Protein backbone atom coordinates (compact mmCIF):
# COMPACT_ATOMS: atom_id res chain seq x y z
CA MET A 1 -6.48 20.73 10.85
CA GLN A 2 -3.68 18.84 12.35
CA GLN A 3 -1.08 16.88 10.00
CA THR A 4 -2.27 13.79 8.39
CA CYS A 5 -0.69 10.80 9.58
CA GLN A 6 -1.26 6.97 8.84
CA ALA A 7 -0.50 5.85 12.43
CA ALA A 8 -3.20 7.03 14.74
CA ASN A 9 -2.34 8.19 18.05
CA ALA A 10 -5.84 7.90 19.59
CA LEU A 11 -7.71 4.99 19.60
CA MET A 12 -11.96 4.00 20.90
CA MET A 13 -12.40 0.61 22.33
CA VAL A 14 -15.48 -0.89 23.70
CA ARG A 15 -15.35 -3.13 26.96
CA PRO A 16 -17.08 -6.14 26.51
CA VAL A 17 -19.96 -7.33 28.95
CA ARG A 18 -22.03 -10.28 27.32
CA PHE A 19 -19.38 -11.36 24.49
CA CYS A 20 -20.10 -14.45 22.92
CA TYR A 21 -20.32 -15.93 19.23
CA ASN A 22 -22.42 -14.50 16.64
CA ALA A 23 -24.64 -16.47 15.02
CA GLU A 24 -25.59 -13.70 12.53
CA THR A 25 -22.26 -12.99 11.55
CA ALA A 26 -21.10 -16.55 11.40
CA VAL A 27 -23.19 -16.83 8.33
CA ASP A 28 -20.43 -15.06 5.76
CA ASN A 29 -17.14 -14.78 8.13
CA ALA A 30 -15.54 -17.77 7.80
CA PHE A 31 -13.15 -16.79 11.24
CA GLN A 32 -15.88 -17.68 13.70
CA GLU A 33 -15.76 -21.00 15.56
CA ASN A 34 -18.11 -21.37 17.94
CA THR A 35 -16.68 -21.69 21.34
CA SER A 36 -18.93 -20.24 23.33
CA PHE A 37 -21.02 -23.24 25.22
CA ASP A 38 -19.75 -21.40 28.70
CA LEU A 39 -21.25 -18.19 28.09
CA LYS A 40 -19.69 -16.96 30.72
CA SER A 41 -16.29 -18.28 31.10
CA THR A 42 -16.57 -17.12 27.49
CA GLN A 43 -17.15 -13.56 29.12
CA GLU A 44 -14.77 -13.86 31.56
CA LYS A 45 -11.98 -14.75 28.91
CA ALA A 46 -12.13 -11.99 26.52
CA LEU A 47 -12.52 -8.97 29.43
CA LYS A 48 -9.01 -10.37 30.23
CA GLU A 49 -7.97 -10.11 26.76
CA PHE A 50 -9.55 -6.88 26.17
CA ASP A 51 -8.14 -5.47 29.42
CA THR A 52 -4.70 -6.71 28.99
CA TYR A 53 -5.11 -5.19 25.32
CA VAL A 54 -6.07 -1.67 27.15
CA ASP A 55 -3.09 -1.45 29.20
CA THR A 56 -0.58 -3.11 26.54
CA LEU A 57 -1.64 0.46 24.87
CA ARG A 58 -1.72 2.91 27.69
CA SER A 59 2.22 1.16 28.92
CA LYS A 60 3.23 2.42 25.49
CA GLY A 61 1.69 5.91 25.94
CA VAL A 62 -0.89 5.52 23.15
CA GLU A 63 -3.91 7.53 24.21
CA VAL A 64 -7.18 4.54 24.87
CA ALA A 65 -10.65 6.19 24.89
CA VAL A 66 -12.70 2.96 26.79
CA PHE A 67 -16.11 2.82 26.81
CA GLU A 68 -18.47 0.08 28.69
CA ASP A 69 -20.55 -1.89 26.81
CA THR A 70 -24.57 -2.62 27.76
CA VAL A 71 -26.07 -5.66 29.13
CA GLU A 72 -29.38 -4.66 27.41
CA PRO A 73 -29.33 -4.71 24.69
CA HIS A 74 -27.28 -7.63 24.17
CA THR A 75 -24.84 -6.78 21.42
CA PRO A 76 -22.14 -9.85 20.90
CA ASP A 77 -19.70 -8.04 18.66
CA SER A 78 -20.12 -4.73 20.67
CA ILE A 79 -15.99 -5.13 21.26
CA PHE A 80 -15.44 -4.06 17.26
CA PRO A 81 -16.47 -0.74 17.04
CA ASN A 82 -14.61 -0.23 13.74
CA ASN A 83 -17.40 -1.21 11.58
CA TRP A 84 -19.82 1.24 12.72
CA ILE A 85 -17.63 4.51 12.81
CA SER A 86 -14.76 6.07 11.22
CA PHE A 87 -12.63 9.61 12.76
CA HIS A 88 -11.27 11.65 10.32
CA GLU A 89 -8.52 14.79 10.86
CA ASP A 90 -10.91 17.27 10.08
CA GLY A 91 -13.35 16.87 12.27
CA THR A 92 -15.14 14.50 10.32
CA ILE A 93 -17.23 11.49 11.48
CA VAL A 94 -18.86 8.41 9.43
CA LEU A 95 -21.45 6.25 10.73
CA TYR A 96 -21.96 2.87 8.82
CA PRO A 97 -24.31 0.49 7.59
CA MET A 98 -23.56 -3.33 8.97
CA LYS A 99 -25.26 -6.27 7.94
CA ALA A 100 -25.88 -7.85 10.80
CA LYS A 101 -29.01 -6.51 12.40
CA ASN A 102 -28.38 -7.72 15.97
CA ARG A 103 -25.07 -5.42 15.57
CA ARG A 104 -27.09 -1.85 14.45
CA LEU A 105 -27.67 -1.62 17.93
CA GLU A 106 -23.98 -1.11 18.20
CA ARG A 107 -24.41 2.48 17.51
CA ARG A 108 -24.61 4.97 20.78
CA PRO A 109 -24.97 8.35 20.42
CA GLU A 110 -23.92 8.59 24.07
CA ILE A 111 -20.02 7.29 23.07
CA VAL A 112 -20.01 9.85 20.22
CA ASP A 113 -21.05 12.51 22.87
CA GLY A 114 -18.36 10.65 25.10
CA ILE A 115 -15.93 11.09 22.57
CA GLN A 116 -16.56 15.06 22.62
CA ASP A 117 -17.31 16.13 26.53
CA LYS A 118 -15.31 12.93 28.02
CA TYR A 119 -12.12 12.95 25.75
CA ASN A 120 -12.10 16.02 24.58
CA PHE A 121 -12.20 15.64 21.00
CA ASN A 122 -13.60 17.90 18.40
CA ILE A 123 -17.06 17.08 15.81
CA LYS A 124 -17.18 19.54 13.35
CA GLU A 125 -19.29 17.08 10.82
CA ARG A 126 -21.63 13.89 11.05
CA ILE A 127 -22.32 11.74 8.06
CA ASP A 128 -24.61 9.39 8.24
CA ILE A 129 -25.24 6.52 5.91
CA SER A 130 -26.55 3.96 8.20
CA LYS A 131 -29.77 3.79 6.71
CA ALA A 132 -28.80 1.77 3.46
CA GLU A 133 -29.22 -1.25 5.91
CA GLU A 134 -33.06 -0.72 4.62
CA GLU A 135 -31.81 -1.30 1.42
CA ASN A 136 -29.91 -3.62 2.23
CA ILE A 137 -26.58 -2.17 1.58
CA PHE A 138 -23.84 -2.25 3.47
CA LEU A 139 -20.10 -0.64 4.29
CA GLU A 140 -18.86 -1.82 7.78
CA GLY A 141 -16.19 1.28 8.83
CA THR A 142 -13.06 0.39 8.30
CA GLY A 143 -13.16 -3.36 8.12
CA SER A 144 -14.93 -2.50 4.60
CA ILE A 145 -12.34 -0.10 4.00
CA VAL A 146 -8.40 -0.11 4.70
CA PHE A 147 -7.72 4.31 4.27
CA ASP A 148 -4.85 5.65 3.72
CA TYR A 149 -4.85 9.09 5.08
CA VAL A 150 -1.90 9.94 4.16
CA ASN A 151 -2.54 9.74 0.03
CA LYS A 152 -6.12 9.75 0.48
CA ILE A 153 -6.97 6.50 -1.06
CA ALA A 154 -9.83 4.06 0.33
CA TYR A 155 -8.92 0.58 -0.24
CA ALA A 156 -11.44 -2.24 -0.50
CA CYS A 157 -12.19 -6.07 -1.10
CA ILE A 158 -16.22 -5.81 -2.50
CA SER A 159 -18.36 -8.59 -0.78
CA GLN A 160 -21.55 -8.84 0.70
CA ARG A 161 -20.32 -6.56 3.38
CA THR A 162 -18.83 -3.49 1.26
CA ASP A 163 -20.98 -2.12 -1.42
CA LYS A 164 -18.84 -0.83 -4.04
CA ALA A 165 -21.48 2.13 -5.46
CA LEU A 166 -21.93 3.00 -1.51
CA LEU A 167 -17.94 3.15 -1.43
CA GLU A 168 -17.55 5.45 -4.22
CA GLU A 169 -20.50 7.41 -2.45
CA ILE A 170 -18.66 8.08 0.76
CA ALA A 171 -15.09 8.21 -0.32
CA ARG A 172 -16.53 11.23 -2.44
CA LYS A 173 -17.78 13.06 0.52
CA ILE A 174 -14.62 12.58 2.57
CA GLY A 175 -12.20 13.32 -0.28
CA TYR A 176 -10.99 10.17 -1.30
CA LYS A 177 -9.99 7.87 -4.41
CA VAL A 178 -11.37 4.19 -4.70
CA HIS A 179 -9.28 1.38 -4.97
CA ALA A 180 -11.41 -1.44 -5.50
CA PHE A 181 -10.81 -5.62 -5.80
CA THR A 182 -12.04 -8.98 -5.17
CA SER A 183 -10.41 -11.19 -2.75
CA VAL A 184 -11.33 -14.65 -1.93
CA ASP A 185 -10.17 -16.95 0.31
CA GLU A 186 -9.08 -20.50 -0.24
CA SER A 187 -12.07 -22.11 -0.89
CA GLY A 188 -13.20 -19.36 -2.97
CA LYS A 189 -15.39 -17.43 -0.71
CA GLU A 190 -15.14 -13.91 -0.78
CA VAL A 191 -12.85 -12.11 1.50
CA TYR A 192 -15.45 -10.66 4.56
CA HIS A 193 -13.71 -7.81 5.29
CA THR A 194 -10.38 -5.74 3.68
CA ASN A 195 -8.96 -5.37 6.70
CA VAL A 196 -8.21 -8.82 7.39
CA MET A 197 -6.27 -9.36 4.03
CA MET A 198 -4.37 -6.01 4.73
CA CYS A 199 -2.89 -3.85 6.80
CA LEU A 200 -1.45 -0.10 6.16
CA GLY A 201 0.91 1.81 7.79
CA GLU A 202 3.08 4.36 7.37
CA LYS A 203 5.72 3.14 5.33
CA PHE A 204 4.60 -0.99 4.79
CA ALA A 205 2.17 -2.39 3.94
CA THR A 206 1.08 -6.34 5.15
CA VAL A 207 -1.21 -7.94 2.18
CA CYS A 208 -2.52 -11.58 1.30
CA ALA A 209 -1.79 -10.69 -2.55
CA GLN A 210 -2.74 -14.17 -3.16
CA SER A 211 -6.21 -13.82 -2.51
CA ILE A 212 -6.61 -11.60 -5.22
CA PRO A 213 -7.44 -13.92 -8.01
CA ASP A 214 -7.81 -11.51 -10.93
CA ASP A 215 -3.78 -10.72 -12.08
CA ALA A 216 -4.19 -7.39 -13.05
CA GLU A 217 -6.13 -6.37 -9.70
CA ARG A 218 -3.35 -7.82 -7.86
CA GLU A 219 -0.49 -6.04 -9.88
CA ALA A 220 -2.19 -2.99 -9.60
CA LEU A 221 -2.84 -2.97 -5.79
CA ILE A 222 0.95 -4.13 -5.45
CA LYS A 223 1.42 -0.83 -8.00
CA SER A 224 -0.72 1.48 -5.82
CA LEU A 225 1.07 0.15 -2.07
CA THR A 226 4.85 0.43 -3.80
CA GLU A 227 4.00 4.12 -5.54
CA THR A 228 2.94 5.16 -2.43
CA GLY A 229 6.29 4.67 -0.53
CA HIS A 230 5.01 1.55 1.29
CA GLU A 231 7.57 -1.74 1.64
CA VAL A 232 5.00 -4.36 0.89
CA VAL A 233 4.75 -7.55 2.68
CA LEU A 234 3.57 -10.58 1.53
CA LEU A 235 1.02 -13.00 3.59
CA THR A 236 0.30 -16.41 2.73
CA TYR A 237 -3.74 -17.86 3.04
CA GLN A 238 -2.57 -19.56 6.35
CA GLN A 239 -1.33 -16.20 7.79
CA MET A 240 -4.25 -14.20 6.73
CA ASN A 241 -6.20 -17.07 8.30
CA SER A 242 -4.29 -16.25 11.31
CA PHE A 243 -5.12 -12.82 11.65
CA ALA A 244 -1.79 -11.55 10.86
CA GLY A 245 -3.28 -8.77 8.07
CA ASN A 246 -5.62 -7.93 10.97
CA ALA A 247 -2.96 -5.45 12.61
CA LEU A 248 -2.98 -1.69 13.07
CA GLU A 249 -0.09 0.94 12.94
CA VAL A 250 -0.37 3.32 16.19
CA GLN A 251 1.97 6.30 17.72
CA ASN A 252 2.32 7.84 20.65
CA LYS A 253 2.79 11.33 21.43
CA LYS A 254 6.53 10.67 21.26
CA GLY A 255 5.96 9.50 17.82
CA GLU A 256 7.17 6.34 18.67
CA ARG A 257 4.92 4.07 16.10
CA TYR A 258 3.87 0.18 17.07
CA LEU A 259 1.54 -2.36 15.16
CA ILE A 260 -0.44 -3.76 17.53
CA ILE A 261 -1.22 -7.39 16.24
CA SER A 262 -2.35 -10.17 18.21
CA LYS A 263 -0.24 -13.26 19.11
CA LYS A 264 -1.29 -15.65 16.28
CA GLY A 265 -0.99 -13.13 13.83
CA TYR A 266 2.65 -12.27 14.94
CA ASP A 267 3.22 -16.28 15.22
CA SER A 268 2.26 -16.97 11.69
CA LEU A 269 5.58 -14.05 10.34
CA THR A 270 8.56 -15.50 9.13
CA GLU A 271 11.49 -14.01 10.67
CA ASP A 272 12.32 -11.57 7.76
CA GLN A 273 8.80 -10.58 7.62
CA LYS A 274 9.47 -9.22 11.13
CA GLU A 275 12.91 -8.07 10.35
CA SER A 276 11.24 -6.07 7.31
CA ILE A 277 7.96 -4.65 9.12
CA GLY A 278 10.55 -3.58 12.52
CA ARG A 279 12.58 -1.24 10.69
CA TYR A 280 9.14 0.88 10.95
CA SER A 281 7.41 -0.08 14.06
CA GLU A 282 8.02 -1.86 17.28
CA ILE A 283 5.74 -5.27 16.84
CA VAL A 284 3.52 -5.73 19.95
CA PRO A 285 1.92 -9.50 19.98
CA ILE A 286 -1.09 -8.82 21.97
CA VAL A 287 -2.77 -12.53 23.02
CA LEU A 288 -6.62 -12.31 21.80
CA GLU A 289 -7.67 -16.64 21.15
CA THR A 290 -10.88 -15.92 22.51
CA ILE A 291 -12.17 -13.08 20.96
CA GLU A 292 -10.28 -14.38 17.53
CA THR A 293 -12.12 -17.60 17.94
CA ASN A 294 -15.60 -16.72 18.29
CA GLY A 295 -15.97 -13.22 17.00
CA GLY A 296 -14.22 -13.57 13.83
CA GLY A 297 -12.02 -10.29 14.59
CA SER A 298 -8.76 -9.46 15.90
CA ALA A 299 -6.61 -6.55 16.79
CA ARG A 300 -7.67 -4.17 14.18
CA CYS A 301 -11.30 -5.01 14.68
CA MET A 302 -11.26 -4.10 18.44
CA ILE A 303 -9.98 -0.40 17.51
CA ALA A 304 -11.84 2.43 16.44
CA ASP A 305 -8.92 4.88 15.51
CA ILE A 306 -9.38 9.02 16.32
CA ARG A 307 -7.91 10.97 14.10
CA LEU A 308 -10.30 14.30 15.23
CA PRO A 309 -8.35 17.39 16.10
CA LYS A 310 -8.74 18.18 19.74
CA LYS A 311 -10.58 21.00 21.25
CA LEU A 312 -8.42 24.08 21.48
C-alpha cells in the first residue's frame, strides 16, 4: 500500500459537453444562479474554463485523468464528479447516492474501467451504496465528506445531501472516525456540502467556523483540526460564499504542493490568509466564473482525487 498523504497526486475530471444550470440541484444549493439563458454560450465558456483548469494542473506536474462527458443522457452537473465516487489508498472505490435524479446518470462504469485500463490504477474493491437513493437517503461523496486521509477522520456537516447514519456506515467500512456537525448559511439554511465551508490540507485547514451555530460543535471542530497538526485559517461568510473553502491541496511527483482554488475564492482571501496558506502550499487561482455561477460548485467540486495504487 502506498504511503498515506493528504495531498493527492492524481485527479479525475469530466470534460463538459452540455453544461448548464441544473434546476433540480438549485432547490438546496444557494450558490447557484441561473445565467444559462444562452445554452451554447454557457457551454463554450464552461469548456474554456475547464480546459484552462486542466492545462494549469498539468503545467504544475499534477497527473489529471480526463474523461469526456456524453451528449445523451443530458447530465448538466457531470463536471462535478467528486459527488459520485471516491478513491482510496488501499484500492477501494466508493460509489455514492445523489439527491438530484438527473445527477445519478453521471455514474458511468466506463469511467471506472478507464481509471484501471487507461490510467493504470489498481481497483481492488468496489463499495456501492448508491441504492440508498431508493429510500431517499443521500451521501454525496467528497462534497458531503471532507476526508482527513492521514488521521482517518471523516468530517461532515449534516444536510439533506449528507445522511448521518449512512455516513457512519461507510466510515466503518473504510476505517474512518466520523466528526459530524451542523453548518448553516447567513439565512439559517443548511450548507448543502461540507466542502464549500472547509478545506483540509496537509498542514493547514480553512474553515468557515461562524457557519457552525452550536458553540460546542464549533469548538470541537477547531480542536480536532488543531490537535491533528493543522494551522486553522478562519473564513468569513463572505469568503465562503465566494468559494474560498471549496479548494483542494494537490501535489506533483516531486512532492510540490499546490492549493487549487478559484480566482473568486482567492480574491476574497486577505493577505494574511494567503501568507498563512502559502507557507505550506503554492496557491493556484483558476478562473471558474461560469461554472461557479450556474453550477453552484467550484474548484474542489470539479475534482475526484485519485488515491489508488498504480498497477505493478
